[in-house]
N, C-alpha and C. Protein backbone atom coordinates (compact mmCIF):
# COMPACT_ATOMS: atom_id res chain seq x y z
N UNK A 1 53.57 115.25 48.23
CA UNK A 1 53.75 114.84 49.85
C UNK A 1 54.93 114.45 50.29
N UNK A 2 55.43 113.47 49.15
CA UNK A 2 56.88 113.15 49.69
C UNK A 2 58.06 113.92 49.80
N UNK A 3 58.17 115.16 49.20
CA UNK A 3 59.12 115.90 49.64
C UNK A 3 58.75 116.56 50.98
N UNK A 4 57.41 116.70 51.26
CA UNK A 4 57.36 117.44 52.44
C UNK A 4 57.52 116.75 53.75
N UNK A 5 57.56 114.99 53.32
CA UNK A 5 57.50 114.34 54.32
C UNK A 5 59.32 114.16 54.57
N UNK A 6 60.05 114.45 53.27
CA UNK A 6 61.45 114.50 53.64
C UNK A 6 61.75 115.38 54.20
N UNK A 7 61.22 116.73 53.87
CA UNK A 7 61.73 117.91 54.86
C UNK A 7 61.62 117.95 55.95
N UNK A 8 60.42 117.55 56.71
CA UNK A 8 59.80 117.22 58.03
C UNK A 8 60.93 116.13 58.66
N UNK A 9 61.34 115.12 58.10
CA UNK A 9 62.41 113.99 58.57
C UNK A 9 63.28 114.64 58.62
N UNK A 10 63.96 115.63 57.54
CA UNK A 10 65.32 116.28 57.80
C UNK A 10 65.22 117.33 59.24
N UNK A 11 64.17 117.85 58.99
CA UNK A 11 64.00 119.07 60.29
C UNK A 11 63.91 118.10 61.89
N UNK A 12 63.30 116.85 61.81
CA UNK A 12 63.57 116.41 62.65
C UNK A 12 64.73 115.75 63.27
N UNK A 13 65.69 115.37 62.18
CA UNK A 13 66.97 114.52 62.28
C UNK A 13 67.79 115.86 63.03
N UNK A 14 67.75 116.73 62.28
CA UNK A 14 68.69 118.17 62.66
C UNK A 14 68.37 118.39 64.13
N UNK A 15 67.18 118.62 64.33
CA UNK A 15 66.58 118.71 65.79
C UNK A 15 67.41 117.69 66.86
N UNK A 16 67.14 116.33 66.32
CA UNK A 16 67.54 115.67 67.45
C UNK A 16 69.07 115.48 67.40
N UNK A 17 69.59 115.94 66.59
CA UNK A 17 71.38 115.75 66.42
C UNK A 17 71.65 117.02 67.00
N UNK A 18 71.13 117.71 66.90
CA UNK A 18 71.45 119.50 67.86
C UNK A 18 71.05 118.80 69.62
N UNK A 19 69.87 118.48 69.76
CA UNK A 19 69.82 118.07 70.93
C UNK A 19 70.71 117.18 71.66
N UNK A 20 71.33 116.11 71.02
CA UNK A 20 72.27 115.43 71.09
C UNK A 20 73.79 115.78 71.62
N UNK A 21 73.86 116.92 70.95
CA UNK A 21 75.24 117.56 71.02
C UNK A 21 75.08 118.32 71.89
N UNK A 22 74.24 119.00 72.21
CA UNK A 22 73.71 119.77 73.65
C UNK A 22 73.66 119.08 75.06
N UNK A 23 73.39 117.74 74.73
CA UNK A 23 73.39 117.07 76.01
C UNK A 23 74.72 116.52 76.40
N UNK A 24 75.58 115.91 75.42
CA UNK A 24 76.84 115.66 75.20
C UNK A 24 77.88 116.76 75.99
N UNK A 25 77.41 118.67 75.63
CA UNK A 25 78.19 119.37 76.46
C UNK A 25 77.85 119.30 77.55
N UNK A 26 76.71 119.41 77.87
CA UNK A 26 76.31 119.74 79.14
C UNK A 26 76.82 118.65 80.15
N UNK A 27 76.69 117.27 79.52
CA UNK A 27 77.20 115.61 80.39
C UNK A 27 78.87 116.13 80.35
N UNK A 28 79.41 116.47 79.60
CA UNK A 28 80.88 116.66 79.53
C UNK A 28 81.71 117.57 79.93
N UNK A 29 80.91 118.79 80.14
CA UNK A 29 81.75 120.03 80.52
C UNK A 29 81.09 120.74 81.63
N UNK A 30 79.65 120.32 82.02
CA UNK A 30 78.86 121.18 82.77
C UNK A 30 78.47 120.53 84.12
N UNK A 31 77.91 119.63 83.79
CA UNK A 31 77.08 118.57 84.86
C UNK A 31 77.63 117.17 84.87
N UNK A 32 77.97 116.30 85.58
CA UNK A 32 78.05 115.20 85.39
C UNK A 32 77.24 114.03 86.57
N UNK A 33 76.64 113.02 86.51
CA UNK A 33 76.23 112.13 87.55
C UNK A 33 77.16 111.49 88.31
N UNK A 34 77.31 111.09 89.71
CA UNK A 34 78.31 110.24 90.13
C UNK A 34 77.47 109.58 91.13
N UNK A 35 77.75 108.31 91.23
CA UNK A 35 77.19 107.36 92.42
C UNK A 35 78.31 107.17 93.29
N UNK A 36 77.67 107.41 94.49
CA UNK A 36 78.55 107.28 95.81
C UNK A 36 78.71 105.68 95.97
N UNK A 37 79.87 105.00 95.94
CA UNK A 37 80.60 104.04 96.27
C UNK A 37 81.06 103.48 97.46
N UNK A 38 80.43 103.28 98.57
CA UNK A 38 81.35 103.00 99.85
C UNK A 38 80.36 104.16 100.93
N UNK A 39 81.02 104.00 102.28
CA UNK A 39 80.35 104.52 103.10
C UNK A 39 81.08 105.74 103.78
N UNK A 40 82.41 106.00 103.14
CA UNK A 40 83.35 107.04 103.72
C UNK A 40 82.87 108.48 103.82
N UNK A 41 81.59 108.72 102.91
CA UNK A 41 80.98 110.26 103.22
C UNK A 41 79.75 110.27 104.01
N UNK A 42 79.46 108.76 104.91
CA UNK A 42 78.44 108.96 105.46
C UNK A 42 78.29 109.75 106.71
N UNK A 43 77.60 110.25 107.30
CA UNK A 43 76.10 110.38 106.90
C UNK A 43 75.48 111.30 105.99
N UNK A 44 76.46 112.12 105.57
CA UNK A 44 76.16 113.25 104.10
C UNK A 44 75.66 112.75 103.14
N UNK A 45 76.24 111.53 102.57
CA UNK A 45 76.06 111.21 101.46
C UNK A 45 76.21 109.70 101.70
N UNK A 46 74.98 108.69 101.36
CA UNK A 46 75.15 107.38 101.61
C UNK A 46 75.57 106.27 100.44
N UNK A 47 75.96 105.33 100.68
CA UNK A 47 76.27 104.38 99.42
C UNK A 47 75.29 104.23 98.54
N UNK A 48 75.53 104.27 97.26
CA UNK A 48 74.40 104.12 96.23
C UNK A 48 73.74 105.60 95.91
N UNK A 49 73.87 106.76 96.79
CA UNK A 49 73.31 107.53 96.52
C UNK A 49 73.67 108.25 95.27
N UNK A 50 73.06 109.11 94.61
CA UNK A 50 73.38 109.68 93.06
C UNK A 50 73.42 111.38 93.35
N UNK A 51 74.58 111.94 92.66
CA UNK A 51 74.74 113.27 92.82
C UNK A 51 75.13 113.73 91.63
N UNK A 52 74.71 115.17 91.21
CA UNK A 52 75.26 115.90 90.17
C UNK A 52 76.43 116.36 90.49
N UNK A 53 77.48 116.33 89.63
CA UNK A 53 78.75 117.10 89.73
C UNK A 53 78.95 118.22 88.87
N UNK A 54 79.14 119.48 89.51
CA UNK A 54 79.40 120.56 88.93
C UNK A 54 80.90 120.61 88.31
N UNK A 55 80.98 121.10 86.89
CA UNK A 55 82.37 120.55 86.33
C UNK A 55 83.00 122.12 85.86
N UNK A 56 82.04 122.96 85.68
CA UNK A 56 82.33 124.16 84.61
C UNK A 56 82.99 125.00 85.75
N UNK A 57 84.33 125.66 84.88
CA UNK A 57 84.83 126.57 85.92
C UNK A 57 85.17 126.06 87.43
N UNK A 58 85.22 124.81 87.53
CA UNK A 58 85.91 124.50 88.80
C UNK A 58 87.62 124.11 88.77
N UNK A 59 87.91 125.32 89.34
CA UNK A 59 89.56 124.98 89.51
C UNK A 59 90.30 125.92 90.75
N UNK A 60 91.21 126.02 90.77
CA UNK A 60 91.91 126.23 91.98
C UNK A 60 91.45 127.78 92.60
N UNK A 61 91.03 128.42 91.59
CA UNK A 61 90.47 129.64 92.09
C UNK A 61 89.03 129.55 92.83
N UNK A 62 88.18 128.46 92.76
CA UNK A 62 86.85 128.57 93.20
C UNK A 62 86.84 127.40 94.37
N UNK A 63 87.80 126.68 94.48
CA UNK A 63 87.92 125.60 95.38
C UNK A 63 87.84 126.16 96.55
N UNK A 64 86.79 125.71 97.81
CA UNK A 64 86.68 126.34 98.91
C UNK A 64 86.70 125.46 100.20
N UNK A 65 86.61 125.64 101.15
CA UNK A 65 86.78 124.93 102.23
C UNK A 65 85.47 124.15 102.72
N UNK A 66 85.32 122.69 102.87
CA UNK A 66 84.23 122.14 103.15
C UNK A 66 83.23 121.64 101.79
N UNK A 67 83.79 121.97 100.42
CA UNK A 67 83.26 121.70 99.28
C UNK A 67 83.17 119.91 99.28
N UNK A 68 82.57 119.61 98.97
CA UNK A 68 82.29 117.88 98.54
C UNK A 68 82.80 117.95 96.88
N UNK A 69 83.99 117.09 96.85
CA UNK A 69 84.52 117.10 95.32
C UNK A 69 84.63 115.85 95.00
N UNK A 70 85.00 115.38 93.82
CA UNK A 70 85.05 114.15 93.20
C UNK A 70 86.59 114.43 92.35
N UNK A 71 87.34 113.61 92.54
CA UNK A 71 88.60 113.52 91.97
C UNK A 71 89.13 112.38 91.45
N UNK A 72 89.85 112.13 90.71
CA UNK A 72 90.64 111.20 90.17
C UNK A 72 91.49 110.59 91.00
N UNK A 73 91.18 109.43 91.46
CA UNK A 73 92.36 108.54 92.64
C UNK A 73 93.45 107.88 91.79
N UNK A 74 93.22 107.17 91.05
CA UNK A 74 93.85 106.47 90.17
C UNK A 74 93.28 106.34 88.67
N UNK A 75 93.91 105.32 87.78
CA UNK A 75 93.37 105.20 86.46
C UNK A 75 91.94 104.76 86.08
N UNK A 76 91.32 103.84 87.49
CA UNK A 76 90.27 103.18 87.42
C UNK A 76 89.15 104.01 88.05
N UNK A 77 89.81 104.71 89.14
CA UNK A 77 88.58 105.09 90.34
C UNK A 77 88.68 106.71 90.47
N UNK A 78 87.54 106.81 90.95
CA UNK A 78 87.19 108.59 91.34
C UNK A 78 86.55 108.16 92.66
N UNK A 79 87.07 109.27 93.28
CA UNK A 79 86.76 109.27 94.83
C UNK A 79 85.92 110.54 95.23
N UNK A 80 85.11 110.60 96.08
CA UNK A 80 84.34 111.68 96.67
C UNK A 80 84.39 111.84 98.23
N UNK A 81 85.20 113.24 98.38
CA UNK A 81 85.57 113.68 99.70
C UNK A 81 85.44 115.32 99.73
N UNK A 82 85.57 115.26 101.12
CA UNK A 82 85.11 116.55 101.30
C UNK A 82 86.22 117.62 101.94
N UNK A 83 86.67 118.92 101.03
CA UNK A 83 88.19 119.80 101.15
C UNK A 83 87.90 120.11 102.34
N UNK A 84 89.09 119.98 103.34
CA UNK A 84 89.51 120.63 104.40
C UNK A 84 90.55 121.61 104.55
N UNK A 85 91.56 121.30 103.80
CA UNK A 85 92.56 122.20 103.92
C UNK A 85 92.88 122.80 102.49
N UNK A 86 93.40 124.38 102.18
CA UNK A 86 93.50 124.99 101.17
C UNK A 86 94.69 125.37 100.96
N UNK A 87 95.22 125.40 99.81
CA UNK A 87 96.68 125.92 99.67
C UNK A 87 97.16 127.11 100.56
N UNK A 88 98.37 127.05 101.12
CA UNK A 88 98.96 127.81 101.84
C UNK A 88 98.54 127.99 103.26
N UNK A 89 98.14 126.86 103.91
CA UNK A 89 97.47 126.50 104.98
C UNK A 89 98.21 125.60 105.95
N UNK A 90 97.97 125.61 107.04
CA UNK A 90 98.60 124.51 107.91
C UNK A 90 96.91 123.99 108.30
N UNK A 91 97.29 122.57 108.53
CA UNK A 91 95.94 121.86 109.29
C UNK A 91 96.52 120.66 110.24
N UNK A 92 95.77 120.76 111.34
CA UNK A 92 96.01 119.61 112.53
C UNK A 92 94.56 119.36 112.82
N UNK A 93 94.74 117.98 113.49
CA UNK A 93 93.41 117.75 114.43
C UNK A 93 93.97 117.49 115.47
N UNK A 94 93.41 117.74 116.68
CA UNK A 94 93.51 117.61 117.99
C UNK A 94 92.28 117.38 119.03
N UNK A 95 92.13 116.04 119.86
CA UNK A 95 91.12 116.37 120.33
C UNK A 95 89.82 116.17 119.58
N UNK A 96 89.62 115.71 118.29
CA UNK A 96 88.38 115.78 117.42
C UNK A 96 87.99 117.12 117.20
N UNK A 97 89.21 118.11 116.99
CA UNK A 97 89.01 119.52 116.75
C UNK A 97 89.76 119.84 115.56
N UNK A 98 89.51 120.31 114.82
CA UNK A 98 90.07 121.29 113.09
C UNK A 98 90.68 122.42 113.84
N UNK A 99 91.95 122.41 113.45
CA UNK A 99 92.70 123.36 113.21
C UNK A 99 93.60 123.96 112.42
N UNK A 100 93.08 125.12 111.66
CA UNK A 100 93.91 125.65 110.35
C UNK A 100 94.43 126.86 110.97
N UNK A 101 95.85 126.84 110.32
CA UNK A 101 96.52 127.95 110.91
C UNK A 101 96.62 128.25 112.41
N UNK A 102 96.47 127.19 112.82
CA UNK A 102 96.44 127.28 114.49
C UNK A 102 95.12 127.66 115.13
N UNK A 103 94.31 128.05 114.30
CA UNK A 103 93.08 128.19 114.81
C UNK A 103 91.68 127.24 114.59
N UNK A 104 91.04 127.03 115.80
CA UNK A 104 89.75 126.01 115.54
C UNK A 104 88.80 126.55 114.85
N UNK A 105 88.44 125.47 114.07
CA UNK A 105 87.44 125.63 112.68
C UNK A 105 86.63 124.65 112.87
N UNK A 106 85.14 125.23 113.31
CA UNK A 106 83.97 124.26 113.73
C UNK A 106 83.74 123.37 112.28
N UNK A 107 83.48 122.04 112.40
CA UNK A 107 82.25 121.44 111.16
C UNK A 107 81.38 120.97 111.52
N UNK A 108 80.47 122.00 111.15
CA UNK A 108 78.76 122.04 111.36
C UNK A 108 78.23 120.34 111.03
N UNK A 109 78.56 120.13 109.79
CA UNK A 109 78.37 118.62 109.40
C UNK A 109 78.31 117.49 109.97
N UNK A 110 79.56 117.79 110.79
CA UNK A 110 79.89 116.63 111.55
C UNK A 110 79.15 116.10 112.87
N UNK A 111 78.24 117.01 113.31
CA UNK A 111 77.62 117.26 114.66
C UNK A 111 76.74 115.84 114.91
N UNK A 112 75.90 115.68 114.04
CA UNK A 112 75.36 114.38 114.30
C UNK A 112 76.22 113.01 114.66
N UNK A 113 77.35 112.94 113.82
CA UNK A 113 78.19 112.18 113.98
C UNK A 113 78.81 111.98 115.37
N UNK A 114 79.53 113.03 115.75
CA UNK A 114 79.89 113.28 117.10
C UNK A 114 79.19 112.77 118.02
N UNK A 115 77.79 113.39 118.14
CA UNK A 115 76.97 112.96 118.99
C UNK A 115 76.74 111.67 119.20
N UNK A 116 76.89 110.60 118.04
CA UNK A 116 76.60 109.30 118.20
C UNK A 116 77.86 108.52 118.71
N UNK A 117 79.23 109.38 118.74
CA UNK A 117 80.41 108.38 119.20
C UNK A 117 80.41 107.95 120.68
N UNK A 118 80.80 107.08 120.72
CA UNK A 118 80.75 106.11 122.23
C UNK A 118 82.15 107.21 123.08
N UNK A 119 81.57 107.47 124.24
CA UNK A 119 82.24 108.35 125.05
C UNK A 119 83.76 107.93 125.06
N UNK A 120 84.60 108.72 124.70
CA UNK A 120 86.21 108.62 124.83
C UNK A 120 86.63 108.18 123.54
N UNK A 121 85.73 107.89 122.81
CA UNK A 121 86.67 107.40 121.25
C UNK A 121 86.63 108.84 120.36
N UNK A 122 87.73 108.73 119.48
CA UNK A 122 87.71 110.18 118.93
C UNK A 122 87.27 109.74 117.62
N UNK A 123 86.51 110.70 116.80
CA UNK A 123 85.99 110.58 115.47
C UNK A 123 86.84 110.79 114.55
N UNK A 124 87.60 111.77 114.73
CA UNK A 124 89.03 112.12 113.98
C UNK A 124 90.42 111.97 114.56
N UNK A 125 91.15 110.97 114.27
CA UNK A 125 92.30 110.69 115.08
C UNK A 125 93.32 111.94 115.11
N UNK A 126 93.97 112.10 115.94
CA UNK A 126 94.92 113.33 115.97
C UNK A 126 95.82 113.24 114.69
N UNK A 127 96.14 114.24 114.08
CA UNK A 127 97.13 114.34 113.11
C UNK A 127 97.41 115.73 112.57
N UNK A 128 99.01 115.78 112.12
CA UNK A 128 99.36 117.02 111.57
C UNK A 128 99.66 116.87 110.33
N UNK A 129 99.86 117.96 109.37
CA UNK A 129 100.22 117.88 108.07
C UNK A 129 101.18 117.18 107.83
N UNK A 130 102.43 117.48 108.42
CA UNK A 130 103.41 116.81 108.38
C UNK A 130 103.53 115.24 108.59
N UNK A 131 102.71 114.81 109.41
CA UNK A 131 102.52 113.70 109.75
C UNK A 131 101.62 112.62 108.13
N UNK A 132 100.92 113.23 107.81
CA UNK A 132 100.02 112.85 106.62
C UNK A 132 100.49 113.10 105.25
N UNK A 133 101.32 114.28 104.99
CA UNK A 133 102.06 114.92 103.86
C UNK A 133 103.19 115.13 103.58
N UNK A 134 103.89 115.15 104.83
CA UNK A 134 105.52 115.44 105.03
C UNK A 134 105.81 116.88 104.48
N UNK A 135 104.58 117.96 104.70
CA UNK A 135 105.02 119.12 104.42
C UNK A 135 104.64 119.65 105.52
N UNK A 136 104.96 120.91 105.96
CA UNK A 136 104.55 122.11 106.91
C UNK A 136 103.16 122.62 106.72
N UNK A 137 103.00 123.09 105.16
CA UNK A 137 101.83 123.76 104.60
C UNK A 137 101.69 123.43 103.28
N UNK A 138 100.15 123.53 103.14
CA UNK A 138 99.60 122.75 102.01
C UNK A 138 100.27 123.58 100.87
N UNK A 139 101.04 122.98 99.85
CA UNK A 139 101.79 123.97 98.82
C UNK A 139 100.35 124.19 97.43
N UNK A 140 100.80 125.02 97.01
CA UNK A 140 99.79 125.73 95.73
C UNK A 140 99.55 124.67 94.92
N UNK A 141 98.49 124.44 94.22
CA UNK A 141 97.79 123.45 93.55
C UNK A 141 97.46 122.12 94.29
N UNK A 142 97.57 122.20 95.61
CA UNK A 142 96.96 121.05 96.46
C UNK A 142 95.99 121.25 97.37
N UNK A 143 94.99 120.46 97.85
CA UNK A 143 94.30 120.14 98.98
C UNK A 143 94.14 119.26 99.63
N UNK A 144 94.15 119.13 101.01
CA UNK A 144 93.64 117.97 101.68
C UNK A 144 92.17 117.71 101.98
N UNK A 145 91.97 116.43 101.46
CA UNK A 145 90.33 115.93 101.42
C UNK A 145 90.38 114.90 102.89
N UNK A 146 89.07 114.81 103.45
CA UNK A 146 88.72 114.06 104.03
C UNK A 146 87.29 113.49 103.90
N UNK A 147 86.99 112.01 104.18
CA UNK A 147 85.83 111.73 104.40
C UNK A 147 84.79 112.26 105.32
N UNK A 148 83.55 112.19 105.44
CA UNK A 148 82.95 112.70 106.50
C UNK A 148 82.63 111.82 107.67
N UNK A 149 82.75 110.20 107.04
CA UNK A 149 83.03 109.18 108.03
C UNK A 149 84.45 108.81 108.52
N UNK A 150 84.74 109.64 109.42
CA UNK A 150 86.36 109.69 109.46
C UNK A 150 86.74 108.17 110.32
N UNK A 151 85.88 107.56 110.56
CA UNK A 151 86.36 106.16 111.27
C UNK A 151 86.68 105.21 109.77
N UNK A 152 86.02 105.52 108.91
CA UNK A 152 86.12 104.59 107.82
C UNK A 152 86.12 105.30 106.46
N UNK A 153 87.10 105.91 106.37
CA UNK A 153 87.42 106.73 105.16
C UNK A 153 89.07 106.52 104.78
N UNK A 154 89.05 105.98 103.57
CA UNK A 154 90.33 106.37 103.07
C UNK A 154 90.42 107.57 102.18
N UNK A 155 91.38 108.51 102.85
CA UNK A 155 91.51 109.79 102.43
C UNK A 155 92.78 110.18 102.36
N UNK A 156 93.16 111.43 102.55
CA UNK A 156 94.31 112.50 102.62
C UNK A 156 95.26 111.76 103.57
N UNK A 157 94.89 111.10 104.56
CA UNK A 157 95.60 110.54 105.98
C UNK A 157 96.12 109.69 105.37
N UNK A 158 95.45 108.97 104.18
CA UNK A 158 96.44 107.79 103.63
C UNK A 158 97.25 107.88 102.39
N UNK A 159 96.62 108.65 101.31
CA UNK A 159 97.60 109.15 100.27
C UNK A 159 97.89 110.34 100.01
N UNK A 160 97.86 111.12 100.75
CA UNK A 160 98.50 112.58 100.86
C UNK A 160 97.33 113.63 100.28
N UNK A 161 98.20 114.62 99.83
CA UNK A 161 97.43 115.69 99.45
C UNK A 161 96.78 115.26 97.72
N UNK A 162 95.72 116.26 97.35
CA UNK A 162 95.44 115.70 96.29
C UNK A 162 95.52 117.01 95.35
N UNK A 163 96.27 116.68 93.83
CA UNK A 163 96.28 117.84 93.23
C UNK A 163 95.06 118.44 92.61
N UNK A 164 94.93 119.94 92.63
CA UNK A 164 93.57 120.28 92.46
C UNK A 164 93.35 120.24 91.09
N UNK A 165 94.23 119.99 90.25
CA UNK A 165 93.88 119.60 88.95
C UNK A 165 93.37 118.35 88.39
N UNK A 166 93.30 117.35 89.36
CA UNK A 166 92.90 116.32 89.55
C UNK A 166 91.21 116.30 89.95
N UNK A 167 90.77 117.49 90.46
CA UNK A 167 89.49 117.40 90.92
C UNK A 167 88.65 117.59 89.67
N UNK A 168 87.43 116.97 89.42
CA UNK A 168 86.60 116.95 88.20
C UNK A 168 85.62 117.46 88.64
N UNK A 169 85.28 118.42 89.84
CA UNK A 169 84.20 118.97 90.05
C UNK A 169 83.56 118.85 91.62
N UNK A 170 82.68 119.76 91.71
CA UNK A 170 82.15 119.78 93.25
C UNK A 170 80.59 119.34 93.03
N UNK A 171 80.22 118.20 93.95
CA UNK A 171 78.87 117.69 94.03
C UNK A 171 77.97 118.97 94.78
N UNK A 172 77.19 119.25 93.57
CA UNK A 172 76.14 120.03 93.87
C UNK A 172 74.88 119.96 94.30
N UNK A 173 74.18 118.53 94.01
CA UNK A 173 72.83 118.28 94.41
C UNK A 173 72.67 116.67 94.31
N UNK A 174 72.41 116.16 95.63
CA UNK A 174 71.63 114.87 95.32
C UNK A 174 70.47 114.70 94.80
N UNK A 175 70.26 113.78 93.96
CA UNK A 175 69.00 113.25 93.23
C UNK A 175 68.40 112.12 93.53
N UNK A 176 69.29 111.49 94.24
CA UNK A 176 68.70 110.09 94.52
C UNK A 176 69.34 109.30 95.72
N UNK A 177 68.43 108.79 96.53
CA UNK A 177 67.24 108.46 96.30
C UNK A 177 66.36 109.78 96.53
N UNK A 178 65.18 109.59 95.72
CA UNK A 178 63.94 110.87 95.57
C UNK A 178 63.91 111.67 96.84
N UNK A 179 63.49 110.69 97.56
CA UNK A 179 63.18 111.29 99.10
C UNK A 179 63.90 112.08 99.59
N UNK A 180 65.15 111.99 99.45
CA UNK A 180 66.34 112.80 99.94
C UNK A 180 67.04 113.60 99.03
N UNK A 181 66.65 114.04 98.36
CA UNK A 181 67.18 115.39 97.27
C UNK A 181 67.24 116.40 98.09
N UNK A 182 68.48 116.83 97.99
CA UNK A 182 69.42 118.06 98.67
C UNK A 182 70.26 118.87 97.80
N UNK A 183 70.36 119.64 98.04
CA UNK A 183 71.40 120.58 97.17
C UNK A 183 72.67 121.06 98.29
N UNK A 184 72.46 121.19 99.46
CA UNK A 184 73.41 121.99 100.44
C UNK A 184 73.87 120.54 101.48
N UNK A 185 75.27 120.84 101.29
CA UNK A 185 75.79 119.42 102.07
C UNK A 185 76.70 120.07 103.31
N UNK A 186 76.64 121.15 103.37
CA UNK A 186 77.48 122.21 104.57
C UNK A 186 76.49 121.90 105.98
């Protein structure tokens, strides 16, 4: 009976070890939880919301406009923002409208925010790419990011373009608060 107990204990230990290794692989290479800290992505994502970040195969080949991404801001902080401008593009905001390569591009995720603005107040102040990043065209390997709460967001208008290799992944799913679970942020 003692050898059967040892054998079963060994099987359970191996199963738990394999489970733990699989958990670590998923956590560090596929998905990672991220807690929203601040109001820069309001009303899409609120302070203390929790999202899952998709990390697997997220690189400069599959970054799309309006993706919500988490990136290394510095050694201690990560930021979450929305990709607005992609490599090879010109970006300009004029009269609260986004222009990519001179063409107007609607931002449907901002409609509620715009509707709540006091008349005459801009939600996104006018700027050109040259003013915020000292370039005419976004260079390869970089993106321009903005928070959805344009009046209260520390973003590319302040620190310039973000290197794509600093992107940790894309926010794919809000899992907290439970009553507000969602997977589509556009």
